[in-house]
């Protein structure tokens, strides 16, 4: 039976650099490693990713395991599960952390099945139980209306973390760590699917999941033209524009900016909800926001239960006044 030790982080690389969710994973991974007296491992998988290993060490990893192969250039379940199963069996970490994104949501449960263990998705907090030394895995339940803490009795304990739920460490380029190269050792015959084409999402400005400030509108906006006012405010705050489901369904705004259980899960520093009632489906996508400001004419709107600050009033009067005041403050 394998002796599982250490905290491991699956590190995604884009254009030669770690993606933000991976640096966030390394941040919480380092804390878990220190709390449990273990080492932090980075597992870097892809094509042309060798340089990202040193970056992972700068962000806290004690050791980086690198699988660099052309066959891994594009994420596909079969190839990545096969490679990760090989790496995990060699490294035998007690905990494996992935990001709660398209890759993590697919890879974590598939890998857990292969390894005969469990996977807890969409965690917003992780901690080591001082008594059992097992991983305490906190995630939203009941549409974001409550949080539950899970534990697993099998190793490795696999989890995914929500974007921006954790904080990365400041990179220290002077840190030294061991880099171990692992041969992928797989053949194209194991890949049962083929990527025919890749369509890159055309995003003007900041992507909603990366924005520190998000200004979102709901059904009460009434039209596509009304969203122009949100864009003005978002631009002033160097943020992005989002929406609840009804505006996307009505074609007022692209569905790529839908926030909620069936849309994007975000956790910005500031979330301004305009004319959004606050259904559980929507709140599950924004409840991780550090500060929520709600503007709604209904004093009983559910969004006010989650908001730190609330304005009861017609957004058509409140928003222009707020925007003008903001312009004055920024100009002074």
Protein backbone atom coordinates (compact mmCIF):
# COMPACT_ATOMS: atom_id res chain seq x y z
CA UNK A 1 0.00 0.00 0.00
CA UNK A 2 1.38 3.41 -1.01
CA UNK A 3 2.53 5.80 1.70
CA UNK A 4 0.82 9.05 0.71
CA UNK A 5 2.68 12.20 1.68
CA UNK A 6 2.76 15.81 0.50
CA UNK A 7 0.41 18.33 -1.06
CA UNK A 8 0.32 18.40 -4.88
CA UNK A 9 -1.06 21.02 -7.25
CA UNK A 10 -1.97 20.39 -10.88
CA UNK A 11 -0.55 23.45 -12.68
CA UNK A 12 -2.03 24.60 -15.96
CA UNK A 13 0.13 26.59 -18.35
CA UNK A 14 -0.99 29.07 -21.00
CA UNK A 15 1.45 30.78 -23.33
CA UNK A 16 4.36 29.55 -21.22
CA UNK A 17 3.07 30.87 -17.89
CA UNK A 18 0.98 29.49 -15.05
CA UNK A 19 -2.69 30.47 -15.25
CA UNK A 20 -4.04 32.43 -12.24
CA UNK A 21 -6.02 29.50 -10.80
CA UNK A 22 -2.76 27.52 -10.57
CA UNK A 23 -0.94 30.24 -8.60
CA UNK A 24 -3.99 30.43 -6.32
CA UNK A 25 -3.85 26.64 -5.88
CA UNK A 26 -0.15 26.87 -5.00
CA UNK A 27 -0.99 29.54 -2.43
CA UNK A 28 -3.47 27.40 -0.50
CA UNK A 29 -1.29 24.34 -1.14
CA UNK A 30 1.64 26.03 0.60
CA UNK A 31 -0.50 26.82 3.63
CA UNK A 32 -1.74 23.23 3.82
CA UNK A 33 1.82 21.93 3.48
CA UNK A 34 3.04 24.15 6.31
CA UNK A 35 0.09 23.26 8.56
CA UNK A 36 0.68 19.54 8.04
CA UNK A 37 4.49 19.61 8.00
CA UNK A 38 4.69 18.31 4.44
CA UNK A 39 6.19 19.37 1.12
CA UNK A 40 4.37 21.13 -1.71
CA UNK A 41 4.65 19.57 -5.16
CA UNK A 42 3.74 21.18 -8.48
CA UNK A 43 2.68 18.90 -11.32
CA UNK A 44 3.18 20.71 -14.63
CA UNK A 45 1.67 18.95 -17.64
CA UNK A 46 1.51 20.08 -21.27
CA UNK A 47 3.66 20.93 -24.27
CA UNK A 48 6.43 23.52 -24.02
CA UNK A 49 5.84 23.93 -20.28
CA UNK A 50 9.33 23.31 -18.91
CA UNK A 51 9.93 26.95 -17.98
CA UNK A 52 6.75 27.04 -15.90
CA UNK A 53 8.34 24.63 -13.41
CA UNK A 54 10.63 27.33 -12.04
CA UNK A 55 7.66 29.71 -11.88
CA UNK A 56 5.79 27.15 -9.76
CA UNK A 57 8.76 27.01 -7.39
CA UNK A 58 8.73 30.81 -7.17
CA UNK A 59 5.08 30.57 -6.10
CA UNK A 60 5.84 28.17 -3.27
CA UNK A 61 6.43 24.67 -4.64
CA UNK A 62 9.28 22.69 -3.07
CA UNK A 63 9.49 20.31 -6.00
CA UNK A 64 8.10 20.41 -9.55
CA UNK A 65 7.26 17.33 -11.62
CA UNK A 66 7.17 18.13 -15.33
CA UNK A 67 5.57 16.11 -18.13
CA UNK A 68 6.36 17.93 -21.38
CA UNK A 69 5.18 16.23 -24.56
CA UNK A 70 3.70 17.39 -27.87
CA UNK A 71 0.83 14.95 -27.44
CA UNK A 72 -0.27 17.00 -24.42
CA UNK A 73 -0.46 20.31 -26.30
CA UNK A 74 -4.26 20.25 -26.23
CA UNK A 75 -6.20 19.07 -23.21
CA UNK A 76 -8.01 15.80 -23.80
CA UNK A 77 -9.42 13.64 -21.06
CA UNK A 78 -7.80 10.37 -22.14
CA UNK A 79 -4.25 11.68 -22.46
CA UNK A 80 -4.28 13.82 -19.32
CA UNK A 81 -5.93 11.20 -17.11
CA UNK A 82 -3.38 8.62 -18.29
CA UNK A 83 -0.44 10.93 -17.60
CA UNK A 84 -1.78 12.17 -14.26
CA UNK A 85 -2.48 8.63 -13.09
CA UNK A 86 1.15 7.77 -13.83
CA UNK A 87 2.47 10.85 -12.02
CA UNK A 88 0.24 10.41 -8.96
CA UNK A 89 1.26 6.77 -8.61
CA UNK A 90 4.89 7.90 -8.65
CA UNK A 91 4.56 10.95 -6.40
CA UNK A 92 1.81 9.55 -4.10
CA UNK A 93 0.62 12.89 -2.66
CA UNK A 94 -1.89 12.89 0.18
CA UNK A 95 -3.78 15.83 -1.38
CA UNK A 96 -4.18 16.89 -5.02
CA UNK A 97 -5.54 20.38 -5.81
CA UNK A 98 -6.90 21.43 -9.21
CA UNK A 99 -8.74 24.52 -10.40
CA UNK A 100 -12.53 24.60 -10.74
CA UNK A 101 -12.48 25.39 -14.45
CA UNK A 102 -13.20 23.47 -17.64
CA UNK A 103 -10.13 21.27 -17.26
CA UNK A 104 -10.36 20.73 -13.51
CA UNK A 105 -14.07 19.88 -13.59
CA UNK A 106 -13.35 17.19 -16.17
CA UNK A 107 -10.01 15.88 -14.95
CA UNK A 108 -10.65 15.64 -11.19
CA UNK A 109 -13.55 13.13 -11.18
CA UNK A 110 -12.10 11.11 -14.05
CA UNK A 111 -8.77 10.80 -12.26
CA UNK A 112 -10.45 10.03 -8.93
CA UNK A 113 -12.31 7.13 -10.56
CA UNK A 114 -9.08 5.77 -12.02
CA UNK A 115 -7.31 6.00 -8.65
CA UNK A 116 -10.21 4.60 -6.65
CA UNK A 117 -10.60 7.70 -4.50
CA UNK A 118 -12.96 10.67 -4.12
CA UNK A 119 -13.11 14.17 -5.62
CA UNK A 120 -14.78 17.22 -4.08
CA UNK A 121 -15.44 19.96 -6.61
CA UNK A 122 -15.83 23.75 -6.23
CA UNK A 123 -14.23 24.19 -2.81
CA UNK A 124 -14.04 27.71 -1.36
CA UNK A 125 -11.88 26.81 1.63
CA UNK A 126 -9.41 24.08 2.54
CA UNK A 127 -7.82 23.30 5.89
CA UNK A 128 -6.06 20.48 7.73
CA UNK A 129 -8.00 18.99 10.64
CA UNK A 130 -5.68 19.27 13.66
CA UNK A 131 -6.86 15.95 15.09
CA UNK A 132 -7.34 13.60 12.14
CA UNK A 133 -4.85 15.40 9.84
CA UNK A 134 -7.36 14.90 7.04
CA UNK A 135 -8.32 17.62 4.59
CA UNK A 136 -11.39 19.68 5.50
CA UNK A 137 -13.08 20.56 2.21
CA UNK A 138 -15.61 23.42 2.35
CA UNK A 139 -17.96 23.97 -0.59
CA UNK A 140 -21.28 25.73 -1.24
CA UNK A 141 -24.42 23.57 -1.22
CA UNK A 142 -28.16 24.14 -1.78
CA UNK A 143 -27.50 26.62 -4.57
CA UNK A 144 -25.02 28.59 -2.50
CA UNK A 145 -27.40 29.09 0.44
CA UNK A 146 -25.19 27.08 2.80
CA UNK A 147 -21.70 25.65 3.06
CA UNK A 148 -20.78 22.08 3.92
CA UNK A 149 -17.48 20.62 5.07
CA UNK A 150 -16.45 17.27 3.60
CA UNK A 151 -13.65 14.85 4.41
CA UNK A 152 -12.36 11.82 2.53
CA UNK A 153 -11.09 8.56 3.99
CA UNK A 154 -9.12 7.63 0.87
CA UNK A 155 -5.91 9.02 -0.62
CA UNK A 156 -5.11 11.01 -2.58
CA UNK A 157 -7.76 13.47 -1.46
CA UNK A 158 -8.67 15.25 -4.70
CA UNK A 159 -10.30 18.70 -4.72
CA UNK A 160 -10.92 21.58 -7.09
CA UNK A 161 -10.97 25.17 -5.86
CA UNK A 162 -13.15 28.03 -7.05
CA UNK A 163 -11.47 30.86 -8.95
CA UNK A 164 -10.31 33.70 -6.65
CA UNK A 165 -11.41 31.81 -3.54
CA UNK A 166 -7.75 31.45 -2.55
CA UNK A 167 -4.89 33.95 -2.55
CA UNK A 168 -1.57 33.29 -4.31
CA UNK A 169 1.72 34.01 -2.60
CA UNK A 170 3.93 36.81 -3.85
CA UNK A 171 6.41 35.13 -6.22
CA UNK A 172 9.96 34.76 -4.95
CA UNK A 173 12.28 34.22 -7.90
CA UNK A 174 15.18 33.45 -5.56
CA UNK A 175 13.53 30.26 -4.27
CA UNK A 176 15.25 27.02 -5.16
CA UNK A 177 13.55 23.68 -5.70
CA UNK A 178 14.02 20.35 -7.38
CA UNK A 179 12.65 19.82 -10.90
CA UNK A 180 11.90 16.24 -11.93
CA UNK A 181 11.12 15.40 -15.56
CA UNK A 182 8.75 12.50 -16.17
CA UNK A 183 8.30 10.83 -19.56
CA UNK A 184 4.67 10.91 -20.73
CA UNK A 185 5.04 7.38 -22.04
CA UNK A 186 1.71 7.36 -23.88
CA UNK A 187 0.70 6.63 -27.43
CA UNK A 188 -1.89 8.46 -29.50
CA UNK A 189 -3.89 5.24 -29.61
CA UNK A 190 -5.13 5.88 -26.04
CA UNK A 191 -6.82 9.11 -27.16
CA UNK A 192 -10.36 8.28 -28.27
CA UNK A 193 -11.30 11.80 -29.36
CA UNK A 194 -9.83 14.24 -31.84
CA UNK A 195 -9.83 18.03 -31.75
CA UNK A 196 -11.10 19.23 -35.12
CA UNK A 197 -11.06 22.96 -34.48
CA UNK A 198 -10.47 25.44 -31.67
CA UNK A 199 -12.50 28.64 -31.42
CA UNK A 200 -10.99 31.35 -29.23
CA UNK A 201 -13.56 33.46 -27.39
CA UNK A 202 -13.39 37.05 -28.57
CA UNK A 203 -13.30 39.12 -25.39
CA UNK A 204 -12.96 42.90 -25.44
CA UNK A 205 -11.25 44.11 -22.30
CA UNK A 206 -11.01 42.06 -19.11
CA UNK A 207 -12.47 38.56 -18.95
CA UNK A 208 -15.25 38.41 -16.40
CA UNK A 209 -13.65 35.59 -14.42
CA UNK A 210 -10.37 37.54 -14.13
CA UNK A 211 -11.87 40.94 -13.27
CA UNK A 212 -11.40 42.49 -9.83
CA UNK A 213 -14.62 44.47 -10.36
CA UNK A 214 -17.78 43.16 -12.04
CA UNK A 215 -20.89 45.24 -12.79
CA UNK A 216 -23.82 42.97 -13.60
CA UNK A 217 -27.38 43.57 -14.73
CA UNK A 218 -30.55 41.54 -14.38
CA UNK A 219 -34.01 41.23 -15.88
CA UNK A 220 -34.93 44.64 -14.46
CA UNK A 221 -32.54 46.36 -16.91
CA UNK A 222 -35.24 45.93 -19.51
CA UNK A 223 -33.23 46.12 -22.74
CA UNK A 224 -29.89 45.66 -24.45
CA UNK A 225 -29.47 49.45 -24.64
CA UNK A 226 -29.60 49.72 -20.86
CA UNK A 227 -26.44 47.64 -20.55
CA UNK A 228 -24.46 50.52 -22.08
CA UNK A 229 -24.74 52.29 -18.73
CA UNK A 230 -23.23 49.27 -17.01
CA UNK A 231 -20.37 49.29 -19.50
CA UNK A 232 -19.65 52.94 -18.68
CA UNK A 233 -19.47 52.20 -14.96
CA UNK A 234 -17.37 49.06 -15.49
CA UNK A 235 -14.93 51.03 -17.62
CA UNK A 236 -14.53 53.65 -14.88
CA UNK A 237 -13.77 50.92 -12.35
CA UNK A 238 -11.51 49.00 -14.77
CA UNK A 239 -13.85 46.06 -14.49
CA UNK A 240 -16.06 43.81 -16.61
CA UNK A 241 -19.77 43.59 -17.34
CA UNK A 242 -21.80 40.54 -16.42
CA UNK A 243 -25.44 39.48 -16.28
CA UNK A 244 -27.89 37.11 -14.69
CA UNK A 245 -29.59 34.53 -16.91
CA UNK A 246 -32.68 36.46 -18.17
CA UNK A 247 -30.72 39.18 -20.03
CA UNK A 248 -28.65 36.47 -21.75
CA UNK A 249 -31.76 34.45 -22.65
CA UNK A 250 -33.35 37.62 -24.08
CA UNK A 251 -30.29 38.36 -26.20
CA UNK A 252 -29.52 41.66 -24.48
CA UNK A 253 -25.96 40.57 -23.82
CA UNK A 254 -23.73 37.63 -24.79
CA UNK A 255 -24.31 34.44 -22.82
CA UNK A 256 -20.55 34.18 -22.27
CA UNK A 257 -20.91 36.71 -19.42
CA UNK A 258 -23.75 34.91 -17.65
CA UNK A 259 -23.07 34.53 -13.94
CA UNK A 260 -24.59 31.66 -12.01
CA UNK A 261 -24.83 27.93 -11.60
CA UNK A 262 -25.15 27.42 -15.36
CA UNK A 263 -22.78 30.28 -16.22
CA UNK A 264 -19.52 31.67 -14.85
CA UNK A 265 -18.47 31.29 -11.22
CA UNK A 266 -16.70 34.47 -10.15
CA UNK A 267 -15.25 35.96 -6.97
CA UNK A 268 -14.19 39.57 -7.63
CA UNK A 269 -13.20 42.10 -5.01
CA UNK A 270 -16.30 44.14 -5.86
CA UNK A 271 -19.58 42.94 -7.40
CA UNK A 272 -22.23 45.51 -8.27
CA UNK A 273 -25.62 43.88 -8.92
CA UNK A 274 -28.04 46.15 -10.77
CA UNK A 275 -31.71 45.12 -11.05
CA UNK A 276 -30.86 41.54 -10.09
CA UNK A 277 -33.36 39.85 -7.77
CA UNK A 278 -30.85 37.34 -6.42
CA UNK A 279 -32.09 33.85 -7.25
CA UNK A 280 -30.15 30.99 -5.69
CA UNK A 281 -28.98 30.02 -9.19
CA UNK A 282 -27.39 33.43 -9.69
CA UNK A 283 -26.02 33.77 -6.15
CA UNK A 284 -24.21 30.46 -6.49
CA UNK A 285 -22.09 32.14 -9.16
CA UNK A 286 -21.19 35.32 -7.26
CA UNK A 287 -21.44 34.46 -3.55
CA UNK A 288 -17.64 34.31 -3.34
CA UNK A 289 -17.38 38.05 -4.10
CA UNK A 290 -15.54 39.97 -1.38
CA UNK A 291 -18.01 42.88 -1.47
CA UNK A 292 -21.48 42.95 -3.04
CA UNK A 293 -23.36 46.19 -3.73
CA UNK A 294 -27.00 45.71 -4.75
CA UNK A 295 -29.30 48.21 -6.47
CA UNK A 296 -32.92 47.10 -6.64
CA UNK A 297 -36.31 48.77 -6.28
CA UNK A 298 -37.72 45.81 -4.35
CA UNK A 299 -36.71 46.07 -0.67
CA UNK A 300 -37.47 42.35 -0.27
CA UNK A 301 -35.18 41.24 -3.10
CA UNK A 302 -33.09 38.25 -2.12
CA UNK A 303 -29.88 39.92 -3.34
CA UNK A 304 -29.95 42.23 -0.28
CA UNK A 305 -29.38 39.22 1.99
CA UNK A 306 -25.98 38.68 0.40
CA UNK A 307 -25.06 42.34 -0.17
CA UNK A 308 -22.76 44.29 2.12
CA UNK A 309 -24.28 47.53 0.83
CA UNK A 310 -27.74 47.96 -0.67
CA UNK A 311 -29.62 50.76 -2.39
CA UNK A 312 -33.40 50.47 -2.63
CA UNK A 313 -34.46 52.47 -5.66
CA UNK A 314 -34.92 52.64 -9.41
CA UNK A 315 -31.61 51.85 -11.08
CA UNK A 316 -32.40 54.41 -13.80
CA UNK A 317 -32.04 57.12 -11.15
CA UNK A 318 -29.48 55.54 -8.86
CA UNK A 319 -26.94 54.35 -11.42
CA UNK A 320 -26.44 57.64 -13.33
CA UNK A 321 -26.02 59.53 -10.04
CA UNK A 322 -23.56 56.93 -8.78
CA UNK A 323 -21.58 57.03 -12.03
CA UNK A 324 -21.38 60.84 -12.05
CA UNK A 325 -20.23 60.93 -8.44
CA UNK A 326 -17.59 58.35 -9.22
CA UNK A 327 -16.33 60.46 -12.12
CA UNK A 328 -15.98 63.44 -9.74
CA UNK A 329 -14.05 61.41 -7.20
CA UNK A 330 -11.72 59.94 -9.81
CA UNK A 331 -11.08 63.38 -11.33
CA UNK A 332 -10.19 64.99 -7.99
